[in-house]
Amino acid sequence: MDIRQLRYFVGVVEAKSLNKASALLHVAQPALSTQIRNLERELGVKLLHRHARGIVPTTAGERLARHAYQLLRQVERVRSDLTGYAAAPSGGLLMCIARSIPLIVSTAIAERCRRKFPGVHLRIGGSWRQQVQVDRLAADLALTFRPEDDTQLLAEPLVHDELVLACSADDRQTAAEIDLEAVFQHDLILPSPSHYIRRFIENAAQSLGHELRIDCEIDSFELTKELVARRMAKAILPIACVRDDLRGENLRIVRITNPPLQRTLYMLHSARQARSDAVDLVCQEVRAIIFACANRATFGWRRIPMADQVPADAWHDDHTLAPSLDGHATNSVADSVFDLGQHP
């Protein structure tokens, strides 16, 4: 049985006549009859009744017709989908990117999409949460650490993002590694209560029976790093957000262990709306860039095995990346990890 036989069979059922079906399908009537007989022989059932008023399907023929309609529609969808990929993608696309994602990642996404998909008008917005308040389905894609618990949205986990204790570069009193409980004995610069990382850290402290010692509340990562460099206090930050400061020797990091702190980066898109070719292609490039970053030790990102990598161009930033930070490989993660997804 093949698609051509099913198309011929459906054509005969709809035309209710071999002569009419032959003309509509542009197939000689003997050849059409042969295909129908071959199909009946293969399935072992009679599919058509022939009488003076024309041709009607048997009970088995009606069942086959229902299956055939579905299969032929699916084949047409496949053809249409792949034909769309053959053409250059076009149209507008809104992508929200979390503010704590390194600028070099957002820049790489914008540059690569502009270069590979010149017909796509990519607009990069800020907070996914702010966009949700306006129209939760207006954004085509989002990179966020705060997935929505909503059946209208699909959340694809990409990488785990490691958080570390950031200290001034000349602070050598703190060891290269520190237990999570010991972290909460330090005065910390933290974001305001509305910030996701603040809630993340508060949940970690509460799970260990500690209260946070807050020196001051600052939402800006840049200002936080400047104050840490001036020895005002320490801060808990993602490795990816301090990598440039480590090169400039403004900061040093202390790895958090027992357990490590990590959050998850998700790519979100609508489960209700049909995805355009442009969205699918941009998704591929975003995955490729995120996974390339995860392969570099200085990002502190660890790829989630369930997320299948999509082949795309290799991406390299403009800097030479060190293989490790403070002598510790960033891809070593303890068995026990504090992840906000496991806590309320």
C-alpha atoms as a PDB file:
ATOM      1  CA  MET A   1       0.000   0.000   0.000  1.00  0.00           C
ATOM      2  CA  ASP A   2       1.303   3.435  -0.883  1.00  0.00           C
ATOM      3  CA  ILE A   3       0.112   7.027  -1.014  1.00  0.00           C
ATOM      4  CA  ARG A   4      -0.646   6.822  -4.718  1.00  0.00           C
ATOM      5  CA  GLN A   5      -3.004   3.871  -4.214  1.00  0.00           C
ATOM      6  CA  LEU A   6      -4.803   5.671  -1.401  1.00  0.00           C
ATOM      7  CA  ARG A   7      -5.183   8.790  -3.534  1.00  0.00           C
ATOM      8  CA  TYR A   8      -6.642   6.713  -6.373  1.00  0.00           C
ATOM      9  CA  PHE A   9      -9.014   4.939  -3.986  1.00  0.00           C
ATOM     10  CA  VAL A  10     -10.274   8.219  -2.480  1.00  0.00           C
ATOM     11  CA  GLY A  11     -10.674   9.631  -5.994  1.00  0.00           C
ATOM     12  CA  VAL A  12     -12.925   6.722  -7.016  1.00  0.00           C
ATOM     13  CA  VAL A  13     -14.995   6.980  -3.792  1.00  0.00           C
ATOM     14  CA  GLU A  14     -15.547  10.701  -4.325  1.00  0.00           C
ATOM     15  CA  ALA A  15     -16.299  10.411  -8.065  1.00  0.00           C
ATOM     16  CA  LYS A  16     -18.499   7.280  -7.569  1.00  0.00           C
ATOM     17  CA  SER A  17     -17.363   6.199 -11.019  1.00  0.00           C
ATOM     18  CA  LEU A  18     -14.201   4.744 -12.521  1.00  0.00           C
ATOM     19  CA  ASN A  19     -14.659   6.800 -15.701  1.00  0.00           C
ATOM     20  CA  LYS A  20     -15.024  10.092 -13.801  1.00  0.00           C
ATOM     21  CA  ALA A  21     -12.175   9.251 -11.425  1.00  0.00           C
ATOM     22  CA  SER A  22      -9.964   8.347 -14.365  1.00  0.00           C
ATOM     23  CA  ALA A  23     -10.549  11.760 -15.911  1.00  0.00           C
ATOM     24  CA  LEU A  24     -10.090  13.674 -12.662  1.00  0.00           C
ATOM     25  CA  LEU A  25      -6.919  11.808 -11.696  1.00  0.00           C
ATOM     26  CA  HIS A  26      -5.522  11.788 -15.232  1.00  0.00           C
ATOM     27  CA  VAL A  27      -4.996   8.031 -15.050  1.00  0.00           C
ATOM     28  CA  ALA A  28      -6.108   5.469 -17.648  1.00  0.00           C
ATOM     29  CA  GLN A  29      -9.118   3.483 -16.453  1.00  0.00           C
ATOM     30  CA  PRO A  30      -7.423   0.047 -16.778  1.00  0.00           C
ATOM     31  CA  ALA A  31      -4.493   1.257 -14.676  1.00  0.00           C
ATOM     32  CA  LEU A  32      -6.877   2.693 -12.077  1.00  0.00           C
ATOM     33  CA  SER A  33      -8.833  -0.580 -11.883  1.00  0.00           C
ATOM     34  CA  THR A  34      -5.583  -2.509 -11.472  1.00  0.00           C
ATOM     35  CA  GLN A  35      -4.496  -0.314  -8.547  1.00  0.00           C
ATOM     36  CA  ILE A  36      -7.838  -0.820  -6.776  1.00  0.00           C
ATOM     37  CA  ARG A  37      -7.675  -4.598  -7.279  1.00  0.00           C
ATOM     38  CA  ASN A  38      -4.103  -4.685  -5.955  1.00  0.00           C
ATOM     39  CA  LEU A  39      -5.219  -2.765  -2.878  1.00  0.00           C
ATOM     40  CA  GLU A  40      -8.123  -5.170  -2.263  1.00  0.00           C
ATOM     41  CA  ARG A  41      -5.822  -8.150  -2.731  1.00  0.00           C
ATOM     42  CA  GLU A  42      -3.262  -6.751  -0.257  1.00  0.00           C
ATOM     43  CA  LEU A  43      -5.850  -5.952   2.418  1.00  0.00           C
ATOM     44  CA  GLY A  44      -7.846  -9.134   1.829  1.00  0.00           C
ATOM     45  CA  VAL A  45     -11.211  -7.348   1.744  1.00  0.00           C
ATOM     46  CA  LYS A  46     -13.586  -5.997  -0.886  1.00  0.00           C
ATOM     47  CA  LEU A  47     -13.494  -2.196  -0.862  1.00  0.00           C
ATOM     48  CA  LEU A  48     -16.021  -1.152  -3.528  1.00  0.00           C
ATOM     49  CA  HIS A  49     -19.495  -2.216  -4.647  1.00  0.00           C
ATOM     50  CA  ARG A  50     -20.219  -1.754  -8.352  1.00  0.00           C
ATOM     51  CA  HIS A  51     -23.847  -1.392  -9.462  1.00  0.00           C
ATOM     52  CA  ALA A  52     -25.935   0.393 -12.064  1.00  0.00           C
ATOM     53  CA  ARG A  53     -25.919   3.727 -10.207  1.00  0.00           C
ATOM     54  CA  GLY A  54     -22.178   3.765  -9.846  1.00  0.00           C
ATOM     55  CA  ILE A  55     -19.642   2.752  -7.200  1.00  0.00           C
ATOM     56  CA  VAL A  56     -20.044   2.932  -3.419  1.00  0.00           C
ATOM     57  CA  PRO A  57     -17.595   1.806  -0.730  1.00  0.00           C
ATOM     58  CA  THR A  58     -18.215  -1.306   1.331  1.00  0.00           C
ATOM     59  CA  THR A  59     -18.077  -1.117   5.125  1.00  0.00           C
ATOM     60  CA  ALA A  60     -14.363  -1.921   4.921  1.00  0.00           C
ATOM     61  CA  GLY A  61     -14.018   0.647   2.152  1.00  0.00           C
ATOM     62  CA  GLU A  62     -15.593   3.345   4.347  1.00  0.00           C
ATOM     63  CA  ARG A  63     -13.112   2.590   7.128  1.00  0.00           C
ATOM     64  CA  LEU A  64     -10.199   2.731   4.699  1.00  0.00           C
ATOM     65  CA  ALA A  65     -11.509   6.015   3.285  1.00  0.00           C
ATOM     66  CA  ARG A  66     -11.476   7.619   6.751  1.00  0.00           C
ATOM     67  CA  HIS A  67      -7.861   6.546   7.297  1.00  0.00           C
ATOM     68  CA  ALA A  68      -6.898   7.590   3.784  1.00  0.00           C
ATOM     69  CA  TYR A  69      -8.314  11.105   4.216  1.00  0.00           C
ATOM     70  CA  GLN A  70      -6.286  11.584   7.392  1.00  0.00           C
ATOM     71  CA  LEU A  71      -3.084  10.261   5.821  1.00  0.00           C
ATOM     72  CA  LEU A  72      -3.452  12.364   2.695  1.00  0.00           C
ATOM     73  CA  ARG A  73      -4.074  15.503   4.758  1.00  0.00           C
ATOM     74  CA  GLN A  74      -0.970  14.761   6.820  1.00  0.00           C
ATOM     75  CA  VAL A  75       1.113  14.248   3.684  1.00  0.00           C
ATOM     76  CA  GLU A  76      -0.105  17.607   2.409  1.00  0.00           C
ATOM     77  CA  ARG A  77       0.830  19.265   5.705  1.00  0.00           C
ATOM     78  CA  VAL A  78       4.312  17.758   5.504  1.00  0.00           C
ATOM     79  CA  ARG A  79       4.725  18.961   1.940  1.00  0.00           C
ATOM     80  CA  SER A  80       3.515  22.450   2.832  1.00  0.00           C
ATOM     81  CA  ASP A  81       5.747  22.631   5.897  1.00  0.00           C
ATOM     82  CA  LEU A  82       8.917  21.575   4.086  1.00  0.00           C
ATOM     83  CA  THR A  83       8.127  23.750   1.097  1.00  0.00           C
ATOM     84  CA  GLY A  84       7.968  26.675   3.505  1.00  0.00           C
ATOM     85  CA  TYR A  85      11.425  25.871   4.784  1.00  0.00           C
ATOM     86  CA  ALA A  86      12.782  25.925   1.270  1.00  0.00           C
ATOM     87  CA  ALA A  87      11.758  29.572   0.952  1.00  0.00           C
ATOM     88  CA  ALA A  88      13.508  32.320   2.882  1.00  0.00           C
ATOM     89  CA  PRO A  89      11.677  32.922   6.194  1.00  0.00           C
ATOM     90  CA  SER A  90      10.083  36.319   6.651  1.00  0.00           C
ATOM     91  CA  GLY A  91       7.830  38.281   8.953  1.00  0.00           C
ATOM     92  CA  GLY A  92       8.007  39.796  12.402  1.00  0.00           C
ATOM     93  CA  LEU A  93       9.126  37.952  15.535  1.00  0.00           C
ATOM     94  CA  LEU A  94       9.110  39.196  19.134  1.00  0.00           C
ATOM     95  CA  MET A  95      11.526  37.530  21.535  1.00  0.00           C
ATOM     96  CA  CYS A  96      11.759  38.334  25.251  1.00  0.00           C
ATOM     97  CA  ILE A  97      15.129  37.784  26.932  1.00  0.00           C
ATOM     98  CA  ALA A  98      15.609  37.771  30.700  1.00  0.00           C
ATOM     99  CA  ARG A  99      17.702  40.678  31.937  1.00  0.00           C
ATOM    100  CA  SER A 100      20.126  38.384  33.786  1.00  0.00           C
ATOM    101  CA  ILE A 101      21.180  36.639  30.565  1.00  0.00           C
ATOM    102  CA  PRO A 102      24.648  37.926  29.552  1.00  0.00           C
ATOM    103  CA  LEU A 103      24.643  40.680  26.954  1.00  0.00           C
ATOM    104  CA  ILE A 104      27.022  38.698  24.743  1.00  0.00           C
ATOM    105  CA  VAL A 105      24.344  35.983  24.361  1.00  0.00           C
ATOM    106  CA  SER A 106      21.621  38.448  23.352  1.00  0.00           C
ATOM    107  CA  THR A 107      24.051  40.100  20.949  1.00  0.00           C
ATOM    108  CA  ALA A 108      24.940  36.775  19.339  1.00  0.00           C
ATOM    109  CA  ILE A 109      21.247  35.937  18.849  1.00  0.00           C
ATOM    110  CA  ALA A 110      20.532  39.292  17.215  1.00  0.00           C
ATOM    111  CA  GLU A 111      23.599  39.218  14.958  1.00  0.00           C
ATOM    112  CA  ARG A 112      23.170  35.654  13.785  1.00  0.00           C
ATOM    113  CA  CYS A 113      19.453  36.014  13.049  1.00  0.00           C
ATOM    114  CA  ARG A 114      20.117  39.232  11.124  1.00  0.00           C
ATOM    115  CA  ARG A 115      22.819  37.500   9.085  1.00  0.00           C
ATOM    116  CA  LYS A 116      21.019  34.202   8.398  1.00  0.00           C
ATOM    117  CA  PHE A 117      17.407  35.437   8.166  1.00  0.00           C
ATOM    118  CA  PRO A 118      17.447  38.940   6.688  1.00  0.00           C
ATOM    119  CA  GLY A 119      13.730  38.712   5.883  1.00  0.00           C
ATOM    120  CA  VAL A 120      12.814  38.213   9.542  1.00  0.00           C
ATOM    121  CA  HIS A 121      12.215  41.394  11.546  1.00  0.00           C
ATOM    122  CA  LEU A 122      13.474  40.326  14.982  1.00  0.00           C
ATOM    123  CA  ARG A 123      12.401  42.492  17.906  1.00  0.00           C
ATOM    124  CA  ILE A 124      14.050  41.718  21.249  1.00  0.00           C
ATOM    125  CA  GLY A 125      12.139  42.765  24.325  1.00  0.00           C
ATOM    126  CA  GLY A 126      12.908  42.640  28.022  1.00  0.00           C
ATOM    127  CA  SER A 127      11.135  40.829  30.811  1.00  0.00           C
ATOM    128  CA  TRP A 128       8.809  37.998  29.824  1.00  0.00           C
ATOM    129  CA  ARG A 129       6.802  38.717  32.972  1.00  0.00           C
ATOM    130  CA  GLN A 130       6.159  42.289  31.874  1.00  0.00           C
ATOM    131  CA  GLN A 131       5.134  41.104  28.414  1.00  0.00           C
ATOM    132  CA  VAL A 132       2.732  38.579  29.955  1.00  0.00           C
ATOM    133  CA  GLN A 133       0.941  41.404  31.753  1.00  0.00           C
ATOM    134  CA  VAL A 134       0.266  43.047  28.384  1.00  0.00           C
ATOM    135  CA  ASP A 135      -0.504  39.986  26.263  1.00  0.00           C
ATOM    136  CA  ARG A 136       0.776  36.561  27.280  1.00  0.00           C
ATOM    137  CA  LEU A 137       0.684  35.300  23.684  1.00  0.00           C
ATOM    138  CA  ALA A 138       2.107  38.389  21.964  1.00  0.00           C
ATOM    139  CA  ALA A 139       5.694  37.179  22.309  1.00  0.00           C
ATOM    140  CA  ASP A 140       6.714  34.414  19.903  1.00  0.00           C
ATOM    141  CA  LEU A 141       9.655  33.239  22.003  1.00  0.00           C
ATOM    142  CA  ALA A 142      11.196  33.907  25.390  1.00  0.00           C
ATOM    143  CA  LEU A 143      14.366  33.006  27.268  1.00  0.00           C
ATOM    144  CA  THR A 144      13.529  33.072  30.939  1.00  0.00           C
ATOM    145  CA  PHE A 145      14.373  31.549  34.288  1.00  0.00           C
ATOM    146  CA  ARG A 146      10.720  31.787  35.354  1.00  0.00           C
ATOM    147  CA  PRO A 147       8.540  29.428  33.295  1.00  0.00           C
ATOM    148  CA  GLU A 148       4.785  29.972  33.405  1.00  0.00           C
ATOM    149  CA  ASP A 149       2.612  27.204  34.855  1.00  0.00           C
ATOM    150  CA  ASP A 150       0.260  27.472  31.912  1.00  0.00           C
ATOM    151  CA  THR A 151      -0.923  24.868  29.398  1.00  0.00           C
ATOM    152  CA  GLN A 152      -0.958  27.555  26.701  1.00  0.00           C
ATOM    153  CA  LEU A 153       2.840  27.797  26.918  1.00  0.00           C
ATOM    154  CA  LEU A 154       5.499  25.197  26.178  1.00  0.00           C
ATOM    155  CA  ALA A 155       8.632  25.404  28.333  1.00  0.00           C
ATOM    156  CA  GLU A 156      11.764  23.769  26.936  1.00  0.00           C
ATOM    157  CA  PRO A 157      14.557  23.463  29.546  1.00  0.00           C
ATOM    158  CA  LEU A 158      17.935  24.288  28.011  1.00  0.00           C
ATOM    159  CA  VAL A 159      20.660  24.667  30.648  1.00  0.00           C
ATOM    160  CA  HIS A 160      21.274  24.805  34.384  1.00  0.00           C
ATOM    161  CA  ASP A 161      22.807  28.109  35.498  1.00  0.00           C
ATOM    162  CA  GLU A 162      25.225  27.935  38.432  1.00  0.00           C
ATOM    163  CA  LEU A 163      25.261  30.680  41.064  1.00  0.00           C
ATOM    164  CA  VAL A 164      28.398  31.557  43.052  1.00  0.00           C
ATOM    165  CA  LEU A 165      29.449  33.825  45.894  1.00  0.00           C
ATOM    166  CA  ALA A 166      31.124  36.924  44.434  1.00  0.00           C
ATOM    167  CA  CYS A 167      33.856  38.635  46.458  1.00  0.00           C
ATOM    168  CA  SER A 168      36.278  41.479  45.821  1.00  0.00           C
ATOM    169  CA  ALA A 169      39.446  40.448  44.009  1.00  0.00           C
ATOM    170  CA  ASP A 170      41.665  41.147  47.039  1.00  0.00           C
ATOM    171  CA  ASP A 171      39.475  39.142  49.442  1.00  0.00           C
ATOM    172  CA  ARG A 172      41.580  36.064  50.133  1.00  0.00           C
ATOM    173  CA  GLN A 173      40.089  35.212  53.507  1.00  0.00           C
ATOM    174  CA  THR A 174      37.227  33.277  51.914  1.00  0.00           C
ATOM    175  CA  ALA A 175      38.228  29.847  50.601  1.00  0.00           C
ATOM    176  CA  ALA A 176      37.760  28.751  47.001  1.00  0.00           C
ATOM    177  CA  GLU A 177      34.687  26.744  48.002  1.00  0.00           C
ATOM    178  CA  ILE A 178      32.043  27.317  50.651  1.00  0.00           C
ATOM    179  CA  ASP A 179      29.093  25.324  51.963  1.00  0.00           C
ATOM    180  CA  LEU A 180      25.704  26.833  51.264  1.00  0.00           C
ATOM    181  CA  GLU A 181      24.975  27.166  54.984  1.00  0.00           C
ATOM    182  CA  ALA A 182      28.155  29.193  55.450  1.00  0.00           C
ATOM    183  CA  VAL A 183      27.110  31.563  52.647  1.00  0.00           C
ATOM    184  CA  PHE A 184      24.167  32.741  54.733  1.00  0.00           C
ATOM    185  CA  GLN A 185      26.499  33.814  57.532  1.00  0.00           C
ATOM    186  CA  HIS A 186      27.803  36.643  55.303  1.00  0.00           C
ATOM    187  CA  ASP A 187      26.267  40.059  54.753  1.00  0.00           C
ATOM    188  CA  LEU A 188      24.888  39.996  51.223  1.00  0.00           C
ATOM    189  CA  ILE A 189      23.863  42.465  48.558  1.00  0.00           C
ATOM    190  CA  LEU A 190      20.591  41.118  47.168  1.00  0.00           C
ATOM    191  CA  PRO A 191      17.945  42.255  44.678  1.00  0.00           C
ATOM    192  CA  SER A 192      14.593  43.551  45.887  1.00  0.00           C
ATOM    193  CA  PRO A 193      11.908  41.015  46.932  1.00  0.00           C
ATOM    194  CA  SER A 194      10.213  41.178  43.499  1.00  0.00           C
ATOM    195  CA  HIS A 195      13.365  39.892  41.765  1.00  0.00           C
ATOM    196  CA  TYR A 196      13.466  36.213  40.844  1.00  0.00           C
ATOM    197  CA  ILE A 197      16.981  35.614  42.190  1.00  0.00           C
ATOM    198  CA  ARG A 198      15.938  37.113  45.535  1.00  0.00           C
ATOM    199  CA  ARG A 199      13.113  34.585  45.852  1.00  0.00           C
ATOM    200  CA  PHE A 200      15.479  31.845  44.728  1.00  0.00           C
ATOM    201  CA  ILE A 201      18.017  32.672  47.450  1.00  0.00           C
ATOM    202  CA  GLU A 202      15.339  33.154  50.114  1.00  0.00           C
ATOM    203  CA  ASN A 203      13.948  29.685  49.399  1.00  0.00           C
ATOM    204  CA  ALA A 204      17.431  28.196  49.646  1.00  0.00           C
ATOM    205  CA  ALA A 205      18.022  29.886  52.999  1.00  0.00           C
ATOM    206  CA  GLN A 206      14.628  28.849  54.359  1.00  0.00           C
ATOM    207  CA  SER A 207      15.209  25.243  53.317  1.00  0.00           C
ATOM    208  CA  LEU A 208      18.286  25.232  55.575  1.00  0.00           C
ATOM    209  CA  GLY A 209      16.627  27.118  58.431  1.00  0.00           C
ATOM    210  CA  HIS A 210      18.519  30.392  57.912  1.00  0.00           C
ATOM    211  CA  GLU A 211      17.506  34.027  57.600  1.00  0.00           C
ATOM    212  CA  LEU A 212      19.258  36.248  55.090  1.00  0.00           C
ATOM    213  CA  ARG A 213      21.675  38.890  56.289  1.00  0.00           C
ATOM    214  CA  ILE A 214      20.897  41.675  53.833  1.00  0.00           C
ATOM    215  CA  ASP A 215      23.388  44.519  53.612  1.00  0.00           C
ATOM    216  CA  CYS A 216      21.405  46.381  50.939  1.00  0.00           C
ATOM    217  CA  GLU A 217      18.953  45.720  48.107  1.00  0.00           C
ATOM    218  CA  ILE A 218      20.049  46.482  44.548  1.00  0.00           C
ATOM    219  CA  ASP A 219      18.394  45.201  41.367  1.00  0.00           C
ATOM    220  CA  SER A 220      21.215  46.194  39.016  1.00  0.00           C
ATOM    221  CA  PHE A 221      23.837  43.500  38.522  1.00  0.00           C
ATOM    222  CA  GLU A 222      26.343  46.089  37.351  1.00  0.00           C
ATOM    223  CA  LEU A 223      25.983  48.203  40.501  1.00  0.00           C
ATOM    224  CA  THR A 224      26.051  45.080  42.663  1.00  0.00           C
ATOM    225  CA  LYS A 225      29.346  43.984  41.114  1.00  0.00           C
ATOM    226  CA  GLU A 226      30.860  47.440  41.552  1.00  0.00           C
ATOM    227  CA  LEU A 227      29.987  47.487  45.247  1.00  0.00           C
ATOM    228  CA  VAL A 228      31.302  43.949  45.728  1.00  0.00           C
ATOM    229  CA  ALA A 229      34.577  44.993  44.065  1.00  0.00           C
ATOM    230  CA  ARG A 230      34.760  47.884  46.581  1.00  0.00           C
ATOM    231  CA  ARG A 231      34.393  45.362  49.442  1.00  0.00           C
ATOM    232  CA  MET A 232      31.053  46.727  50.611  1.00  0.00           C
ATOM    233  CA  ALA A 233      29.620  43.185  50.895  1.00  0.00           C
ATOM    234  CA  LYS A 234      29.422  39.905  49.032  1.00  0.00           C
ATOM    235  CA  ALA A 235      26.734  38.841  46.566  1.00  0.00           C
ATOM    236  CA  ILE A 236      25.281  35.666  45.074  1.00  0.00           C
ATOM    237  CA  LEU A 237      25.421  35.958  41.291  1.00  0.00           C
ATOM    238  CA  PRO A 238      25.389  33.711  38.196  1.00  0.00           C
ATOM    239  CA  ILE A 239      28.872  32.869  36.912  1.00  0.00           C
ATOM    240  CA  ALA A 240      27.842  34.035  33.443  1.00  0.00           C
ATOM    241  CA  CYS A 241      27.224  37.543  34.791  1.00  0.00           C
ATOM    242  CA  VAL A 242      30.689  37.948  36.363  1.00  0.00           C
ATOM    243  CA  ARG A 243      32.900  36.325  33.724  1.00  0.00           C
ATOM    244  CA  ASP A 244      34.124  39.637  32.280  1.00  0.00           C
ATOM    245  CA  ASP A 245      34.886  40.974  35.758  1.00  0.00           C
ATOM    246  CA  LEU A 246      37.021  37.908  36.459  1.00  0.00           C
ATOM    247  CA  ARG A 247      39.105  38.668  33.390  1.00  0.00           C
ATOM    248  CA  GLY A 248      39.523  42.234  34.580  1.00  0.00           C
ATOM    249  CA  GLU A 249      40.493  40.942  38.029  1.00  0.00           C
ATOM    250  CA  ASN A 250      37.843  43.078  39.709  1.00  0.00           C
ATOM    251  CA  LEU A 251      36.147  40.120  41.374  1.00  0.00           C
ATOM    252  CA  ARG A 252      36.806  36.568  42.416  1.00  0.00           C
ATOM    253  CA  ILE A 253      34.266  33.816  42.859  1.00  0.00           C
ATOM    254  CA  VAL A 254      33.747  31.240  45.572  1.00  0.00           C
ATOM    255  CA  ARG A 255      32.084  28.039  44.473  1.00  0.00           C
ATOM    256  CA  ILE A 256      29.004  27.134  46.528  1.00  0.00           C
ATOM    257  CA  THR A 257      28.794  23.461  47.517  1.00  0.00           C
ATOM    258  CA  ASN A 258      26.736  21.154  49.719  1.00  0.00           C
ATOM    259  CA  PRO A 259      24.525  21.831  47.849  1.00  0.00           C
ATOM    260  CA  PRO A 260      25.366  23.979  44.823  1.00  0.00           C
ATOM    261  CA  LEU A 261      22.857  26.618  43.759  1.00  0.00           C
ATOM    262  CA  GLN A 262      21.454  26.398  40.249  1.00  0.00           C
ATOM    263  CA  ARG A 263      18.495  27.706  38.313  1.00  0.00           C
ATOM    264  CA  THR A 264      17.129  26.554  34.947  1.00  0.00           C
ATOM    265  CA  LEU A 265      17.001  28.536  31.725  1.00  0.00           C
ATOM    266  CA  TYR A 266      13.898  27.820  29.628  1.00  0.00           C
ATOM    267  CA  MET A 267      12.837  28.704  26.119  1.00  0.00           C
ATOM    268  CA  LEU A 268       9.107  29.422  26.017  1.00  0.00           C
ATOM    269  CA  HIS A 269       6.706  29.570  23.103  1.00  0.00           C
ATOM    270  CA  SER A 270       2.971  29.355  22.655  1.00  0.00           C
ATOM    271  CA  ALA A 271       1.348  25.920  22.606  1.00  0.00           C
ATOM    272  CA  ARG A 272      -1.874  27.359  21.178  1.00  0.00           C
ATOM    273  CA  GLN A 273      -0.586  29.223  18.165  1.00  0.00           C
ATOM    274  CA  ALA A 274       0.908  27.502  15.111  1.00  0.00           C
ATOM    275  CA  ARG A 275       4.623  28.214  14.934  1.00  0.00           C
ATOM    276  CA  SER A 276       5.889  29.849  11.779  1.00  0.00           C
ATOM    277  CA  ASP A 277       8.959  28.728   9.868  1.00  0.00           C
ATOM    278  CA  ALA A 278      10.749  31.831  11.140  1.00  0.00           C
ATOM    279  CA  VAL A 279      10.092  30.867  14.770  1.00  0.00           C
ATOM    280  CA  ASP A 280      11.346  27.309  14.221  1.00  0.00           C
ATOM    281  CA  LEU A 281      14.531  28.498  12.539  1.00  0.00           C
ATOM    282  CA  VAL A 282      15.244  31.135  15.182  1.00  0.00           C
ATOM    283  CA  CYS A 283      14.678  28.453  17.854  1.00  0.00           C
ATOM    284  CA  GLN A 284      17.404  26.360  16.252  1.00  0.00           C
ATOM    285  CA  GLU A 285      19.878  29.225  16.337  1.00  0.00           C
ATOM    286  CA  VAL A 286      19.024  30.137  19.930  1.00  0.00           C
ATOM    287  CA  ARG A 287      19.609  26.541  21.035  1.00  0.00           C
ATOM    288  CA  ALA A 288      22.906  26.410  19.179  1.00  0.00           C
ATOM    289  CA  ILE A 289      24.143  29.614  20.851  1.00  0.00           C
ATOM    290  CA  ILE A 290      22.993  28.571  24.326  1.00  0.00           C
ATOM    291  CA  PHE A 291      24.579  25.129  23.998  1.00  0.00           C
ATOM    292  CA  ALA A 292      27.817  26.618  22.668  1.00  0.00           C
ATOM    293  CA  CYS A 293      27.957  28.790  25.777  1.00  0.00           C
ATOM    294  CA  ALA A 294      27.317  25.722  27.946  1.00  0.00           C
ATOM    295  CA  ASN A 295      30.395  24.098  26.397  1.00  0.00           C
ATOM    296  CA  ARG A 296      32.551  26.947  27.739  1.00  0.00           C
ATOM    297  CA  ALA A 297      33.602  26.627  31.352  1.00  0.00           C
ATOM    298  CA  THR A 298      33.444  30.339  32.120  1.00  0.00           C
ATOM    299  CA  PHE A 299      29.675  30.516  31.580  1.00  0.00           C
ATOM    300  CA  GLY A 300      28.787  28.152  34.395  1.00  0.00           C
ATOM    301  CA  TRP A 301      26.007  26.706  32.265  1.00  0.00           C
ATOM    302  CA  ARG A 302      25.390  22.968  32.131  1.00  0.00           C
ATOM    303  CA  ARG A 303      23.312  21.584  29.319  1.00  0.00           C
ATOM    304  CA  ILE A 304      20.246  19.597  30.312  1.00  0.00           C
ATOM    305  CA  PRO A 305      20.548  16.133  28.683  1.00  0.00           C
ATOM    306  CA  MET A 306      16.842  15.933  27.727  1.00  0.00           C
ATOM    307  CA  ALA A 307      17.176  19.036  25.537  1.00  0.00           C
ATOM    308  CA  ASP A 308      18.279  17.764  22.120  1.00  0.00           C
ATOM    309  CA  GLN A 309      20.844  19.958  20.433  1.00  0.00           C
ATOM    310  CA  VAL A 310      19.903  21.216  16.973  1.00  0.00           C
ATOM    311  CA  PRO A 311      22.837  21.429  14.542  1.00  0.00           C
ATOM    312  CA  ALA A 312      23.765  24.961  13.580  1.00  0.00           C
ATOM    313  CA  ASP A 313      26.819  27.141  13.095  1.00  0.00           C
ATOM    314  CA  ALA A 314      29.419  27.049  15.839  1.00  0.00           C
ATOM    315  CA  TRP A 315      29.419  30.306  17.797  1.00  0.00           C
ATOM    316  CA  HIS A 316      32.451  31.885  19.402  1.00  0.00           C
ATOM    317  CA  ASP A 317      32.595  35.129  21.285  1.00  0.00           C
ATOM    318  CA  ASP A 318      35.399  37.617  20.788  1.00  0.00           C
ATOM    319  CA  HIS A 319      37.329  36.691  23.908  1.00  0.00           C
ATOM    320  CA  THR A 320      39.678  33.855  24.692  1.00  0.00           C
ATOM    321  CA  LEU A 321      37.936  31.860  27.382  1.00  0.00           C
ATOM    322  CA  ALA A 322      39.827  30.291  30.245  1.00  0.00           C
ATOM    323  CA  PRO A 323      39.171  26.576  30.821  1.00  0.00           C
ATOM    324  CA  SER A 324      38.320  27.079  34.502  1.00  0.00           C
ATOM    325  CA  LEU A 325      37.655  29.637  37.196  1.00  0.00           C
ATOM    326  CA  ASP A 326      39.763  29.841  40.361  1.00  0.00           C
ATOM    327  CA  GLY A 327      41.162  26.445  39.446  1.00  0.00           C
ATOM    328  CA  HIS A 328      37.814  24.655  39.521  1.00  0.00           C
ATOM    329  CA  ALA A 329      36.065  23.154  36.513  1.00  0.00           C
ATOM    330  CA  THR A 330      32.636  24.698  36.208  1.00  0.00           C
ATOM    331  CA  ASN A 331      30.936  21.572  34.909  1.00  0.00           C
ATOM    332  CA  SER A 332      31.462  19.593  38.099  1.00  0.00           C
ATOM    333  CA  VAL A 333      28.143  19.488  39.927  1.00  0.00           C
ATOM    334  CA  ALA A 334      27.456  17.646  43.146  1.00  0.00           C
ATOM    335  CA  ASP A 335      24.737  15.026  43.285  1.00  0.00           C
ATOM    336  CA  SER A 336      22.686  17.222  45.632  1.00  0.00           C
ATOM    337  CA  VAL A 337      21.730  20.513  43.998  1.00  0.00           C
ATOM    338  CA  PHE A 338      19.377  23.233  45.207  1.00  0.00           C
ATOM    339  CA  ASP A 339      17.104  24.036  42.290  1.00  0.00           C
ATOM    340  CA  LEU A 340      14.124  26.344  42.724  1.00  0.00           C
ATOM    341  CA  GLY A 341      12.043  23.961  40.648  1.00  0.00           C
ATOM    342  CA  GLN A 342      12.198  21.510  43.567  1.00  0.00           C
ATOM    343  CA  HIS A 343      10.953  24.028  46.122  1.00  0.00           C
ATOM    344  CA  PRO A 344       7.838  26.177  46.514  1.00  0.00           C
END
